[in-house]
Amino acid sequence: MEGNIDSNKAIYFTKHSLMQMQNRKADKEEVENVIRKSLWKFAEKGRFTASLSFPFNTEHFGRYYKTKEVVPIFIEEKDRIVVITVYTFFSQKEEEGL
């Protein structure tokens, strides 16, 4: 089954996820938006993933990018959602709906 099971739960960020977010230019607000607004998909080991693209229009590692896709990996617990790690993907194309 795919989809948001209960996206109103509190979102907890592990230390690892916070470090990866800093390294990969993602912030808490973006990750929370992805989890609350996009379709959840099953990932390995009982985890979920979801993704959304955001305008970026900034340089990253010496190259300019228009768009950033934010992809958290998370689990759903009884009372909260735990973000395990976060990936980002950068591109030159402008995404529809941004």
PDB file of N, CA and C in Angstrom:
ATOM      1  N   MET A   1       0.841  -1.182   0.000  1.00  0.00           N
ATOM      2  CA  MET A   1       0.000   0.000   0.000  1.00  0.00           C
ATOM      3  C   MET A   1       0.885   1.244   0.000  1.00  0.00           C
ATOM      4  N   GLU A   2       0.520   2.206  -0.798  1.00  0.00           N
ATOM      5  CA  GLU A   2       1.235   3.469  -0.824  1.00  0.00           C
ATOM      6  C   GLU A   2       0.306   4.568  -0.336  1.00  0.00           C
ATOM      7  N   GLY A   3       0.882   5.664   0.091  1.00  0.00           N
ATOM      8  CA  GLY A   3       0.092   6.804   0.522  1.00  0.00           C
ATOM      9  C   GLY A   3       0.430   7.193   1.939  1.00  0.00           C
ATOM     10  N   ASN A   4      -0.101   8.315   2.360  1.00  0.00           N
ATOM     11  CA  ASN A   4       0.146   8.803   3.701  1.00  0.00           C
ATOM     12  C   ASN A   4      -0.771   8.084   4.669  1.00  0.00           C
ATOM     13  N   ILE A   5      -0.188   7.395   5.643  1.00  0.00           N
ATOM     14  CA  ILE A   5      -0.983   6.669   6.627  1.00  0.00           C
ATOM     15  C   ILE A   5      -1.530   7.652   7.660  1.00  0.00           C
ATOM     16  N   ASP A   6      -0.690   8.461   8.245  1.00  0.00           N
ATOM     17  CA  ASP A   6      -1.124   9.499   9.185  1.00  0.00           C
ATOM     18  C   ASP A   6      -0.062  10.589   9.202  1.00  0.00           C
ATOM     19  N   SER A   7      -0.237  11.556   8.328  1.00  0.00           N
ATOM     20  CA  SER A   7       0.795  12.585   8.184  1.00  0.00           C
ATOM     21  C   SER A   7       0.665  13.703   9.213  1.00  0.00           C
ATOM     22  N   ASN A   8      -0.257  13.591  10.173  1.00  0.00           N
ATOM     23  CA  ASN A   8      -0.390  14.615  11.213  1.00  0.00           C
ATOM     24  C   ASN A   8       0.432  14.307  12.452  1.00  0.00           C
ATOM     25  N   LYS A   9       1.125  13.198  12.469  1.00  0.00           N
ATOM     26  CA  LYS A   9       1.962  12.832  13.615  1.00  0.00           C
ATOM     27  C   LYS A   9       3.166  13.774  13.714  1.00  0.00           C
ATOM     28  N   ALA A  10       3.713  13.861  14.921  1.00  0.00           N
ATOM     29  CA  ALA A  10       4.936  14.641  15.125  1.00  0.00           C
ATOM     30  C   ALA A  10       6.062  14.015  14.310  1.00  0.00           C
ATOM     31  N   ILE A  11       6.959  14.858  13.823  1.00  0.00           N
ATOM     32  CA  ILE A  11       8.106  14.378  13.043  1.00  0.00           C
ATOM     33  C   ILE A  11       9.362  14.578  13.875  1.00  0.00           C
ATOM     34  N   TYR A  12      10.092  13.480  14.077  1.00  0.00           N
ATOM     35  CA  TYR A  12      11.336  13.482  14.842  1.00  0.00           C
ATOM     36  C   TYR A  12      12.496  13.250  13.874  1.00  0.00           C
ATOM     37  N   PHE A  13      13.555  14.047  14.025  1.00  0.00           N
ATOM     38  CA  PHE A  13      14.743  13.934  13.186  1.00  0.00           C
ATOM     39  C   PHE A  13      15.878  13.305  13.989  1.00  0.00           C
ATOM     40  N   THR A  14      16.440  12.203  13.491  1.00  0.00           N
ATOM     41  CA  THR A  14      17.603  11.611  14.141  1.00  0.00           C
ATOM     42  C   THR A  14      18.813  12.527  13.947  1.00  0.00           C
ATOM     43  N   LYS A  15      19.840  12.341  14.761  1.00  0.00           N
ATOM     44  CA  LYS A  15      21.066  13.122  14.597  1.00  0.00           C
ATOM     45  C   LYS A  15      21.657  12.901  13.208  1.00  0.00           C
ATOM     46  N   HIS A  16      21.623  11.655  12.760  1.00  0.00           N
ATOM     47  CA  HIS A  16      22.148  11.339  11.428  1.00  0.00           C
ATOM     48  C   HIS A  16      21.394  12.110  10.359  1.00  0.00           C
ATOM     49  N   SER A  17      20.075  12.125  10.446  1.00  0.00           N
ATOM     50  CA  SER A  17      19.298  12.831   9.418  1.00  0.00           C
ATOM     51  C   SER A  17      19.608  14.326   9.428  1.00  0.00           C
ATOM     52  N   LEU A  18      19.778  14.914  10.592  1.00  0.00           N
ATOM     53  CA  LEU A  18      20.103  16.349  10.672  1.00  0.00           C
ATOM     54  C   LEU A  18      21.460  16.651  10.049  1.00  0.00           C
ATOM     55  N   MET A  19      22.438  15.773  10.282  1.00  0.00           N
ATOM     56  CA  MET A  19      23.766  15.966   9.675  1.00  0.00           C
ATOM     57  C   MET A  19      23.678  15.846   8.159  1.00  0.00           C
ATOM     58  N   GLN A  20      22.938  14.854   7.684  1.00  0.00           N
ATOM     59  CA  GLN A  20      22.806  14.673   6.236  1.00  0.00           C
ATOM     60  C   GLN A  20      22.050  15.831   5.600  1.00  0.00           C
ATOM     61  N   MET A  21      21.042  16.336   6.283  1.00  0.00           N
ATOM     62  CA  MET A  21      20.294  17.485   5.758  1.00  0.00           C
ATOM     63  C   MET A  21      21.214  18.696   5.604  1.00  0.00           C
ATOM     64  N   GLN A  22      22.063  18.923   6.587  1.00  0.00           N
ATOM     65  CA  GLN A  22      22.993  20.052   6.509  1.00  0.00           C
ATOM     66  C   GLN A  22      23.961  19.863   5.340  1.00  0.00           C
ATOM     67  N   ASN A  23      24.508  18.675   5.205  1.00  0.00           N
ATOM     68  CA  ASN A  23      25.454  18.396   4.121  1.00  0.00           C
ATOM     69  C   ASN A  23      24.802  18.458   2.745  1.00  0.00           C
ATOM     70  N   ARG A  24      23.518  18.113   2.688  1.00  0.00           N
ATOM     71  CA  ARG A  24      22.832  17.987   1.397  1.00  0.00           C
ATOM     72  C   ARG A  24      21.891  19.142   1.092  1.00  0.00           C
ATOM     73  N   LYS A  25      21.992  20.208   1.868  1.00  0.00           N
ATOM     74  CA  LYS A  25      21.240  21.443   1.621  1.00  0.00           C
ATOM     75  C   LYS A  25      19.726  21.257   1.680  1.00  0.00           C
ATOM     76  N   ALA A  26      19.252  20.519   2.653  1.00  0.00           N
ATOM     77  CA  ALA A  26      17.815  20.376   2.894  1.00  0.00           C
ATOM     78  C   ALA A  26      17.516  20.920   4.289  1.00  0.00           C
ATOM     79  N   ASP A  27      16.313  21.435   4.494  1.00  0.00           N
ATOM     80  CA  ASP A  27      15.969  21.915   5.830  1.00  0.00           C
ATOM     81  C   ASP A  27      14.728  21.196   6.362  1.00  0.00           C
ATOM     82  N   LYS A  28      14.468  21.381   7.654  1.00  0.00           N
ATOM     83  CA  LYS A  28      13.367  20.682   8.318  1.00  0.00           C
ATOM     84  C   LYS A  28      12.025  20.987   7.662  1.00  0.00           C
ATOM     85  N   GLU A  29      11.801  22.233   7.330  1.00  0.00           N
ATOM     86  CA  GLU A  29      10.523  22.622   6.724  1.00  0.00           C
ATOM     87  C   GLU A  29      10.283  21.877   5.407  1.00  0.00           C
ATOM     88  N   GLU A  30      11.319  21.757   4.585  1.00  0.00           N
ATOM     89  CA  GLU A  30      11.185  21.028   3.329  1.00  0.00           C
ATOM     90  C   GLU A  30      10.856  19.552   3.582  1.00  0.00           C
ATOM     91  N   VAL A  31      11.590  18.937   4.498  1.00  0.00           N
ATOM     92  CA  VAL A  31      11.376  17.521   4.791  1.00  0.00           C
ATOM     93  C   VAL A  31       9.967  17.303   5.342  1.00  0.00           C
ATOM     94  N   GLU A  32       9.538  18.167   6.238  1.00  0.00           N
ATOM     95  CA  GLU A  32       8.182  18.053   6.774  1.00  0.00           C
ATOM     96  C   GLU A  32       7.134  18.208   5.672  1.00  0.00           C
ATOM     97  N   ASN A  33       7.344  19.137   4.748  1.00  0.00           N
ATOM     98  CA  ASN A  33       6.422  19.304   3.622  1.00  0.00           C
ATOM     99  C   ASN A  33       6.355  18.053   2.761  1.00  0.00           C
ATOM    100  N   VAL A  34       7.504  17.445   2.510  1.00  0.00           N
ATOM    101  CA  VAL A  34       7.528  16.216   1.711  1.00  0.00           C
ATOM    102  C   VAL A  34       6.699  15.132   2.396  1.00  0.00           C
ATOM    103  N   ILE A  35       6.931  14.936   3.685  1.00  0.00           N
ATOM    104  CA  ILE A  35       6.235  13.871   4.413  1.00  0.00           C
ATOM    105  C   ILE A  35       4.737  14.146   4.500  1.00  0.00           C
ATOM    106  N   ARG A  36       4.368  15.375   4.710  1.00  0.00           N
ATOM    107  CA  ARG A  36       2.953  15.701   4.901  1.00  0.00           C
ATOM    108  C   ARG A  36       2.169  15.861   3.596  1.00  0.00           C
ATOM    109  N   LYS A  37       2.856  16.191   2.494  1.00  0.00           N
ATOM    110  CA  LYS A  37       2.124  16.537   1.269  1.00  0.00           C
ATOM    111  C   LYS A  37       2.306  15.589   0.091  1.00  0.00           C
ATOM    112  N   SER A  38       3.268  14.689   0.151  1.00  0.00           N
ATOM    113  CA  SER A  38       3.498  13.841  -1.016  1.00  0.00           C
ATOM    114  C   SER A  38       3.156  12.386  -0.715  1.00  0.00           C
ATOM    115  N   LEU A  39       3.071  11.614  -1.742  1.00  0.00           N
ATOM    116  CA  LEU A  39       2.726  10.203  -1.653  1.00  0.00           C
ATOM    117  C   LEU A  39       3.864   9.414  -1.037  1.00  0.00           C
ATOM    118  N   TRP A  40       3.557   8.617  -0.032  1.00  0.00           N
ATOM    119  CA  TRP A  40       4.560   7.738   0.585  1.00  0.00           C
ATOM    120  C   TRP A  40       4.668   6.471  -0.240  1.00  0.00           C
ATOM    121  N   LYS A  41       5.888   5.975  -0.362  1.00  0.00           N
ATOM    122  CA  LYS A  41       6.131   4.702  -1.037  1.00  0.00           C
ATOM    123  C   LYS A  41       6.920   3.805  -0.091  1.00  0.00           C
ATOM    124  N   PHE A  42       6.688   2.510  -0.217  1.00  0.00           N
ATOM    125  CA  PHE A  42       7.444   1.571   0.603  1.00  0.00           C
ATOM    126  C   PHE A  42       8.904   1.546   0.174  1.00  0.00           C
ATOM    127  N   ALA A  43       9.791   1.466   1.163  1.00  0.00           N
ATOM    128  CA  ALA A  43      11.223   1.309   0.926  1.00  0.00           C
ATOM    129  C   ALA A  43      11.660   0.033   1.652  1.00  0.00           C
ATOM    130  N   GLU A  44      12.945  -0.244   1.651  1.00  0.00           N
ATOM    131  CA  GLU A  44      13.472  -1.445   2.306  1.00  0.00           C
ATOM    132  C   GLU A  44      13.320  -1.381   3.827  1.00  0.00           C
ATOM    133  N   LYS A  45      13.312  -2.538   4.450  1.00  0.00           N
ATOM    134  CA  LYS A  45      13.349  -2.687   5.905  1.00  0.00           C
ATOM    135  C   LYS A  45      12.180  -2.003   6.618  1.00  0.00           C
ATOM    136  N   GLY A  46      11.003  -2.002   6.002  1.00  0.00           N
ATOM    137  CA  GLY A  46       9.826  -1.425   6.628  1.00  0.00           C
ATOM    138  C   GLY A  46       9.811   0.091   6.658  1.00  0.00           C
ATOM    139  N   ARG A  47      10.633   0.704   5.872  1.00  0.00           N
ATOM    140  CA  ARG A  47      10.723   2.161   5.833  1.00  0.00           C
ATOM    141  C   ARG A  47       9.864   2.709   4.707  1.00  0.00           C
ATOM    142  N   PHE A  48       9.685   4.029   4.747  1.00  0.00           N
ATOM    143  CA  PHE A  48       8.976   4.730   3.692  1.00  0.00           C
ATOM    144  C   PHE A  48       9.890   5.770   3.064  1.00  0.00           C
ATOM    145  N   THR A  49       9.531   6.178   1.865  1.00  0.00           N
ATOM    146  CA  THR A  49      10.202   7.280   1.187  1.00  0.00           C
ATOM    147  C   THR A  49       9.132   8.126   0.511  1.00  0.00           C
ATOM    148  N   ALA A  50       9.468   9.352   0.253  1.00  0.00           N
ATOM    149  CA  ALA A  50       8.587  10.273  -0.455  1.00  0.00           C
ATOM    150  C   ALA A  50       9.489  11.323  -1.086  1.00  0.00           C
ATOM    151  N   SER A  51       8.965  12.096  -2.027  1.00  0.00           N
ATOM    152  CA  SER A  51       9.810  13.126  -2.626  1.00  0.00           C
ATOM    153  C   SER A  51       8.978  14.293  -3.138  1.00  0.00           C
ATOM    154  N   LEU A  52       9.595  15.456  -3.114  1.00  0.00           N
ATOM    155  CA  LEU A  52       9.044  16.678  -3.705  1.00  0.00           C
ATOM    156  C   LEU A  52      10.213  17.499  -4.228  1.00  0.00           C
ATOM    157  N   SER A  53       9.935  18.258  -5.261  1.00  0.00           N
ATOM    158  CA  SER A  53      10.953  19.165  -5.799  1.00  0.00           C
ATOM    159  C   SER A  53      10.649  20.591  -5.373  1.00  0.00           C
ATOM    160  N   PHE A  54      11.725  21.328  -5.137  1.00  0.00           N
ATOM    161  CA  PHE A  54      11.629  22.716  -4.694  1.00  0.00           C
ATOM    162  C   PHE A  54      12.522  23.586  -5.574  1.00  0.00           C
ATOM    163  N   PRO A  55      12.140  24.864  -5.789  1.00  0.00           N
ATOM    164  CA  PRO A  55      13.056  25.781  -6.478  1.00  0.00           C
ATOM    165  C   PRO A  55      14.335  25.904  -5.652  1.00  0.00           C
ATOM    166  N   PHE A  56      15.476  25.904  -6.318  1.00  0.00           N
ATOM    167  CA  PHE A  56      16.754  26.002  -5.616  1.00  0.00           C
ATOM    168  C   PHE A  56      17.497  27.259  -6.054  1.00  0.00           C
ATOM    169  N   ASN A  57      17.751  27.395  -7.353  1.00  0.00           N
ATOM    170  CA  ASN A  57      18.359  28.593  -7.932  1.00  0.00           C
ATOM    171  C   ASN A  57      19.588  29.073  -7.162  1.00  0.00           C
ATOM    172  N   THR A  58      20.466  28.125  -6.882  1.00  0.00           N
ATOM    173  CA  THR A  58      21.663  28.398  -6.083  1.00  0.00           C
ATOM    174  C   THR A  58      22.803  27.507  -6.555  1.00  0.00           C
ATOM    175  N   GLU A  59      23.995  27.897  -6.191  1.00  0.00           N
ATOM    176  CA  GLU A  59      25.166  27.085  -6.495  1.00  0.00           C
ATOM    177  C   GLU A  59      25.348  26.022  -5.415  1.00  0.00           C
ATOM    178  N   HIS A  60      25.732  24.843  -5.847  1.00  0.00           N
ATOM    179  CA  HIS A  60      26.018  23.741  -4.925  1.00  0.00           C
ATOM    180  C   HIS A  60      27.224  22.995  -5.474  1.00  0.00           C
ATOM    181  N   PHE A  61      28.268  22.876  -4.685  1.00  0.00           N
ATOM    182  CA  PHE A  61      29.534  22.265  -5.109  1.00  0.00           C
ATOM    183  C   PHE A  61      30.040  22.866  -6.426  1.00  0.00           C
ATOM    184  N   GLY A  62      29.964  24.194  -6.508  1.00  0.00           N
ATOM    185  CA  GLY A  62      30.528  24.902  -7.642  1.00  0.00           C
ATOM    186  C   GLY A  62      29.700  24.895  -8.919  1.00  0.00           C
ATOM    187  N   ARG A  63      28.471  24.413  -8.838  1.00  0.00           N
ATOM    188  CA  ARG A  63      27.612  24.371 -10.028  1.00  0.00           C
ATOM    189  C   ARG A  63      26.229  24.918  -9.676  1.00  0.00           C
ATOM    190  N   TYR A  64      25.649  25.678 -10.593  1.00  0.00           N
ATOM    191  CA  TYR A  64      24.339  26.293 -10.378  1.00  0.00           C
ATOM    192  C   TYR A  64      23.220  25.312 -10.726  1.00  0.00           C
ATOM    193  N   TYR A  65      22.228  25.214  -9.832  1.00  0.00           N
ATOM    194  CA  TYR A  65      21.080  24.339 -10.070  1.00  0.00           C
ATOM    195  C   TYR A  65      19.782  25.108  -9.887  1.00  0.00           C
ATOM    196  N   LYS A  66      18.787  24.810 -10.715  1.00  0.00           N
ATOM    197  CA  LYS A  66      17.476  25.445 -10.621  1.00  0.00           C
ATOM    198  C   LYS A  66      16.562  24.739  -9.630  1.00  0.00           C
ATOM    199  N   THR A  67      16.693  23.422  -9.523  1.00  0.00           N
ATOM    200  CA  THR A  67      15.737  22.624  -8.761  1.00  0.00           C
ATOM    201  C   THR A  67      16.439  21.658  -7.812  1.00  0.00           C
ATOM    202  N   LYS A  68      15.804  21.445  -6.666  1.00  0.00           N
ATOM    203  CA  LYS A  68      16.293  20.474  -5.685  1.00  0.00           C
ATOM    204  C   LYS A  68      15.150  19.525  -5.347  1.00  0.00           C
ATOM    205  N   GLU A  69      15.401  18.227  -5.469  1.00  0.00           N
ATOM    206  CA  GLU A  69      14.435  17.214  -5.053  1.00  0.00           C
ATOM    207  C   GLU A  69      14.853  16.712  -3.671  1.00  0.00           C
ATOM    208  N   VAL A  70      13.936  16.737  -2.722  1.00  0.00           N
ATOM    209  CA  VAL A  70      14.198  16.308  -1.350  1.00  0.00           C
ATOM    210  C   VAL A  70      13.507  14.963  -1.133  1.00  0.00           C
ATOM    211  N   VAL A  71      14.303  13.970  -0.665  1.00  0.00           N
ATOM    212  CA  VAL A  71      13.811  12.597  -0.522  1.00  0.00           C
ATOM    213  C   VAL A  71      14.175  12.058   0.870  1.00  0.00           C
ATOM    214  N   PRO A  72      13.251  12.180   1.834  1.00  0.00           N
ATOM    215  CA  PRO A  72      13.517  11.600   3.145  1.00  0.00           C
ATOM    216  C   PRO A  72      13.226  10.097   3.172  1.00  0.00           C
ATOM    217  N   ILE A  73      13.950   9.394   4.030  1.00  0.00           N
ATOM    218  CA  ILE A  73      13.691   7.990   4.335  1.00  0.00           C
ATOM    219  C   ILE A  73      13.258   7.990   5.802  1.00  0.00           C
ATOM    220  N   PHE A  74      12.105   7.382   6.077  1.00  0.00           N
ATOM    221  CA  PHE A  74      11.547   7.493   7.419  1.00  0.00           C
ATOM    222  C   PHE A  74      10.738   6.253   7.786  1.00  0.00           C
ATOM    223  N   ILE A  75      10.453   6.151   9.085  1.00  0.00           N
ATOM    224  CA  ILE A  75       9.582   5.082   9.576  1.00  0.00           C
ATOM    225  C   ILE A  75       8.406   5.719  10.298  1.00  0.00           C
ATOM    226  N   GLU A  76       7.342   4.986  10.366  1.00  0.00           N
ATOM    227  CA  GLU A  76       6.179   5.453  11.114  1.00  0.00           C
ATOM    228  C   GLU A  76       6.063   4.640  12.390  1.00  0.00           C
ATOM    229  N   GLU A  77       6.095   5.331  13.511  1.00  0.00           N
ATOM    230  CA  GLU A  77       5.871   4.706  14.807  1.00  0.00           C
ATOM    231  C   GLU A  77       4.458   5.055  15.261  1.00  0.00           C
ATOM    232  N   LYS A  78       4.060   4.525  16.391  1.00  0.00           N
ATOM    233  CA  LYS A  78       2.699   4.740  16.878  1.00  0.00           C
ATOM    234  C   LYS A  78       2.354   6.225  17.031  1.00  0.00           C
ATOM    235  N   ASP A  79       3.274   6.988  17.618  1.00  0.00           N
ATOM    236  CA  ASP A  79       2.989   8.382  17.934  1.00  0.00           C
ATOM    237  C   ASP A  79       3.791   9.405  17.138  1.00  0.00           C
ATOM    238  N   ARG A  80       4.677   8.941  16.266  1.00  0.00           N
ATOM    239  CA  ARG A  80       5.515   9.896  15.542  1.00  0.00           C
ATOM    240  C   ARG A  80       6.068   9.271  14.267  1.00  0.00           C
ATOM    241  N   ILE A  81       6.629  10.141  13.457  1.00  0.00           N
ATOM    242  CA  ILE A  81       7.357   9.732  12.252  1.00  0.00           C
ATOM    243  C   ILE A  81       8.818  10.046  12.517  1.00  0.00           C
ATOM    244  N   VAL A  82       9.689   9.081  12.285  1.00  0.00           N
ATOM    245  CA  VAL A  82      11.121   9.247  12.549  1.00  0.00           C
ATOM    246  C   VAL A  82      11.867   9.309  11.221  1.00  0.00           C
ATOM    247  N   VAL A  83      12.535  10.440  10.972  1.00  0.00           N
ATOM    248  CA  VAL A  83      13.327  10.618   9.757  1.00  0.00           C
ATOM    249  C   VAL A  83      14.703  10.009  10.001  1.00  0.00           C
ATOM    250  N   ILE A  84      15.061   9.045   9.162  1.00  0.00           N
ATOM    251  CA  ILE A  84      16.321   8.315   9.323  1.00  0.00           C
ATOM    252  C   ILE A  84      17.444   8.996   8.551  1.00  0.00           C
ATOM    253  N   THR A  85      17.169   9.361   7.320  1.00  0.00           N
ATOM    254  CA  THR A  85      18.144  10.086   6.507  1.00  0.00           C
ATOM    255  C   THR A  85      17.395  10.871   5.441  1.00  0.00           C
ATOM    256  N   VAL A  86      18.113  11.761   4.775  1.00  0.00           N
ATOM    257  CA  VAL A  86      17.519  12.590   3.731  1.00  0.00           C
ATOM    258  C   VAL A  86      18.501  12.681   2.571  1.00  0.00           C
ATOM    259  N   TYR A  87      17.991  12.435   1.370  1.00  0.00           N
ATOM    260  CA  TYR A  87      18.773  12.591   0.149  1.00  0.00           C
ATOM    261  C   TYR A  87      18.276  13.817  -0.599  1.00  0.00           C
ATOM    262  N   THR A  88      19.157  14.427  -1.365  1.00  0.00           N
ATOM    263  CA  THR A  88      18.760  15.504  -2.261  1.00  0.00           C
ATOM    264  C   THR A  88      19.354  15.246  -3.633  1.00  0.00           C
ATOM    265  N   PHE A  89      18.618  15.662  -4.644  1.00  0.00           N
ATOM    266  CA  PHE A  89      19.057  15.539  -6.026  1.00  0.00           C
ATOM    267  C   PHE A  89      18.831  16.888  -6.697  1.00  0.00           C
ATOM    268  N   PHE A  90      19.833  17.352  -7.394  1.00  0.00           N
ATOM    269  CA  PHE A  90      19.798  18.682  -7.991  1.00  0.00           C
ATOM    270  C   PHE A  90      19.728  18.576  -9.507  1.00  0.00           C
ATOM    271  N   SER A  91      19.010  19.520 -10.135  1.00  0.00           N
ATOM    272  CA  SER A  91      18.927  19.486 -11.591  1.00  0.00           C
ATOM    273  C   SER A  91      18.843  20.897 -12.155  1.00  0.00           C
ATOM    274  N   GLN A  92      19.068  20.973 -13.451  1.00  0.00           N
ATOM    275  CA  GLN A  92      19.008  22.235 -14.171  1.00  0.00           C
ATOM    276  C   GLN A  92      17.607  22.549 -14.651  1.00  0.00           C
ATOM    277  N   LYS A  93      16.771  21.536 -14.763  1.00  0.00           N
ATOM    278  CA  LYS A  93      15.424  21.767 -15.296  1.00  0.00           C
ATOM    279  C   LYS A  93      14.502  22.325 -14.241  1.00  0.00           C
ATOM    280  N   GLU A  94      13.532  23.081 -14.695  1.00  0.00           N
ATOM    281  CA  GLU A  94      12.522  23.596 -13.796  1.00  0.00           C
ATOM    282  C   GLU A  94      11.389  22.596 -13.753  1.00  0.00           C
ATOM    283  N   GLU A  95      10.989  22.218 -12.547  1.00  0.00           N
ATOM    284  CA  GLU A  95       9.921  21.242 -12.373  1.00  0.00           C
ATOM    285  C   GLU A  95       8.567  21.914 -12.547  1.00  0.00           C
ATOM    286  N   GLU A  96       7.607  21.178 -13.085  1.00  0.00           N
ATOM    287  CA  GLU A  96       6.252  21.685 -13.212  1.00  0.00           C
ATOM    288  C   GLU A  96       5.655  21.879 -11.832  1.00  0.00           C
ATOM    289  N   GLY A  97       4.866  22.931 -11.681  1.00  0.00           N
ATOM    290  CA  GLY A  97       4.173  23.164 -10.439  1.00  0.00           C
ATOM    291  C   GLY A  97       4.986  23.869  -9.376  1.00  0.00           C
ATOM    292  N   LEU A  98       6.217  24.276  -9.682  1.00  0.00           N
ATOM    293  CA  LEU A  98       7.015  24.981  -8.687  1.00  0.00           C
ATOM    294  C   LEU A  98       6.738  26.460  -8.756  1.00  0.00           C
TER     295      LEU A  98
END
